[in-house]
Structures are given as structure tokens and as C-alpha cells.
């Protein structure tokens, strides 16, 4: 019996030793497999990381440019097409997609390029004439909303949004800036002495130099010199950079708001009318309203200087011109100081009975029947009209040139209440173009995440985020 018990005990011991050995073997094997798995993951991570370095330095076939240069030019200069020898071209996104396919295989990656910003400054520059008063009020009333919505656009980069308000005027600041209500402290008046000082880049036209003894006044030129005001706003911003109050690669968005050509849509010949008897004032007013000529070259003479000044910052200072042509010119304001001549005499009767019935005459918009103006004896029906509608084509043409050259976008306002929303939307659209996504994000796949930062001269940097997806089994 004792022998049997010894045998059974031996069998049980052997059984437990075998079972223990099996468990130990399984554990060792499991640990080894885990170690191998970690080694594979480390290998794949290093592989993908190395391949990303290779990708960043890979030269695109047609242009011969390395990928990091292509990315930098796309973000900072808006270069969307690459050109090589014999005029061959390829879109940037197509070129990058081809190289990514070569490195990771089609459908196995997701890449996002985003420009990193620090602070962003928005400078509104307002035509100071009375016909733009409502635009100033609307911006003042919606300033906090504009700031908050633009902050959301730059939220990922942590950029703080600052706003400046400039008004072109010869009147004192306390009179001009009240229109902005609680934000009037942000307002600065730009007058002739400031606009055309020794630091100015502007070439002042001959009529402005010779206004002494003329019916035209300095304000008739300065109030509408929105290109000059745009340069002034940029010049003040650069002073902050020199003083250390702003970074070299901060974004500056200048938004001139106007309803006529820069330096006004008043024809050159009107600036030549001599000051004299009451009749000469009548001649000047009629000239302003009725001479069909648009002084295109006068405004264009400043446009190239404006563009040249802005492109010095390589896309970090942009112009987004706002043309607010909502027909809110008030005749009563123009003529209520003409004693003994009443403004309604100019609108309805003397000096020309057809004055306000010509489209060339301020483009009046009183009661119409189809395309025909219905004459009226009620001056209030002529209270809000458009000024020289025939100049609209040239205004829009110059807006397009300015915005295209500086990386901005033009904005046309028909309903002045839309101004804040349209400004924010266009800012969003402009800066959305400064990011690029290639590939499809696939959160259900194992991925390796890599980030690189490309430093841009005077433009901050570009964040490159790449998700490389692990290849499926058997691939």
C-alpha cells in the first residue's frame, strides 16, 4: 500500500512539474512574442520616421525641388503649381500625393500642412467721407463679434487678434471717432499731414499740390485716399515690429473700406475750378456729380507703390479691400450749408433741370419705372443715392489687383449690414488656403504619428503632421 502511494505521489509530482513546465514555457514564449512585437513596433516606428525624413528631402521629378521647399512655397507664397523644364507643370497636391504613394503606398497615409502663426493684427482703414458713416457704425457695433470669430480661425495656433481703426479725415479725432462708440479709443485719424509726411511712399498728384485758391479742399482728396491710408496702416505696424511690440512674422490684415476710387472718384478737372463767386461753387458741385470721367490713372499711380510695399513681407501683410456701394450718399449733407442755395435746387431744379436724371450725375437712384427715372419734387426721395456708378468697374479692377498681389481677397458689399460677416468669412477663406490635407484619415487603423516643423523666412513655420498607417497582413 505504501508502495502504491509512493508511485501515485511520484506521478502527481511529475504531472505538476509537466504542467508547470508548460505554463512556464507559455509565459516565456508570450514574453518573447511581446518583446518581438515591441521590437517590430520600434522597427516600424523608426522605419516610418526615417522614411518621413527621406520624404521631406525627396526631390519632385518635374521641378527638381525637394519636398520641404515645395511645402514652404505652397504655404508662404501660395505656389500651387510646379514648373519644370520644357514648360512641364504639375499641381503641388498631385506632386506630393505621388511621392507619398511611393513611400507609404496609396491609402496608407494622412498628411496635414498648417502654417503656425503668432499674433494677428487687423487694421480697418475707412474712407472718411460722410457716405461711409454707416459702415463705421456697423463695424463699431460688431467689433467684439468680429474679434471673437477671427480668434476662432486662429485658435489652433494660439494667435491673439488685435484690431486697429483708422479714419481718413481732416477733422479732429474726438469728432471723427465717436462713431465707433465704446471702441473709439482704438480709432486713429489719418490727416494730410500724417499721410504725406517725409516718411510717406506716396506720390501726391499735381492738383493736390495746387489747391490754394481752388474750390476743392484738401479733405476732398485725403478722405478718400484709402490706398494711402492702407500704406500708413502697414507703416505703423512695421514700427511696432522695430520697437519689439510685434514679431517679424506676425500676420497683418489691412481692410480698407470705401465707396469710390482712391483719392476720390472726383475728376481731375474739378480740382482745377478756382475759388470765387457763388457760381464757381455751383460749378464745382456740378462737376463732382456730373462729369463722367473717372480719374483711374490718379488712383492707379499709388496702386503699384502699395503693392510693392506690401509684398516686402512675403505674404504676411495682406490687403482685403471692401467696396461698400450701398447707395447711402446723402445729398442733404452735401448741400445744407449752401446758403442761400438750397440742396433741393441742385437735385431737382437749378442749375440743371436734368442733373439728377442722368445716370452719369451721381448715378441717382430715386423712384424708377424699369430703367426710367421718374422725376420727383420731393427732395427726400433723393436722400440716399450712389456716387458716380460708372467708376465701379475700375474700382473693382483695382481691388482685384491689390488683393491678388498681396494674397488677400476683395469684398463687395451691397447690404452694409453684411459687412462684419463677409469680412470674417473672407479672412477664413484666405487662411484656409494656407493649409493642405492629402490622404484620408482612418482612425480604425494602427498608425504611427510624426510631426516636423519647417521654418519659413519671416513667416513663422509650417507644421507637418503625418499619420502613417500600418500595412494590413499580406500587403
Foldseek 3Di string as FASTA:
>chain_A
DVVVVVVVVVVVVVVVVVVVVVVVVVVVVVVVVVVVVVVVVVVVLVLVVVLVVVQQQDAQDFQRHGNVVLLQCCQQVVDQWGAHPPGDIDGSLVSSQVSCCVRFNPQFKKKKKAFAAAAEEEEEEELQDPLCLVLLLLCLVCVVVLQVLLCVLNVVNHYHYHYAYEFFAPDDLVVRQCSSPPCSVRYDYQYPCNLDDPPHPDDDDPLLVPLVQAPDDRSLQRSQQQLSVQLSVVVVVVVCCVVVNDPLQHAYEYEYEEAAARSGQQDPVLSVQGDDDPVSNVVSLLSQFADQDGPLVNSVRSLVVSLVSQCVSSQRYAYAYEHEFQQAAFQQVVAVPSPPDHSLCQCDNPPHNCQVQDCQRQNFDFDDDVPGRDHDSDCVSRGGGHGNPVRVVSRVVSSVVRRVSNQFYYHYHNDSSCVSVRVSVRVSVSSVSSMDMHHDDDPVFDWHWDWDWAQDVSNGIMIMIMTGGDDDPPD
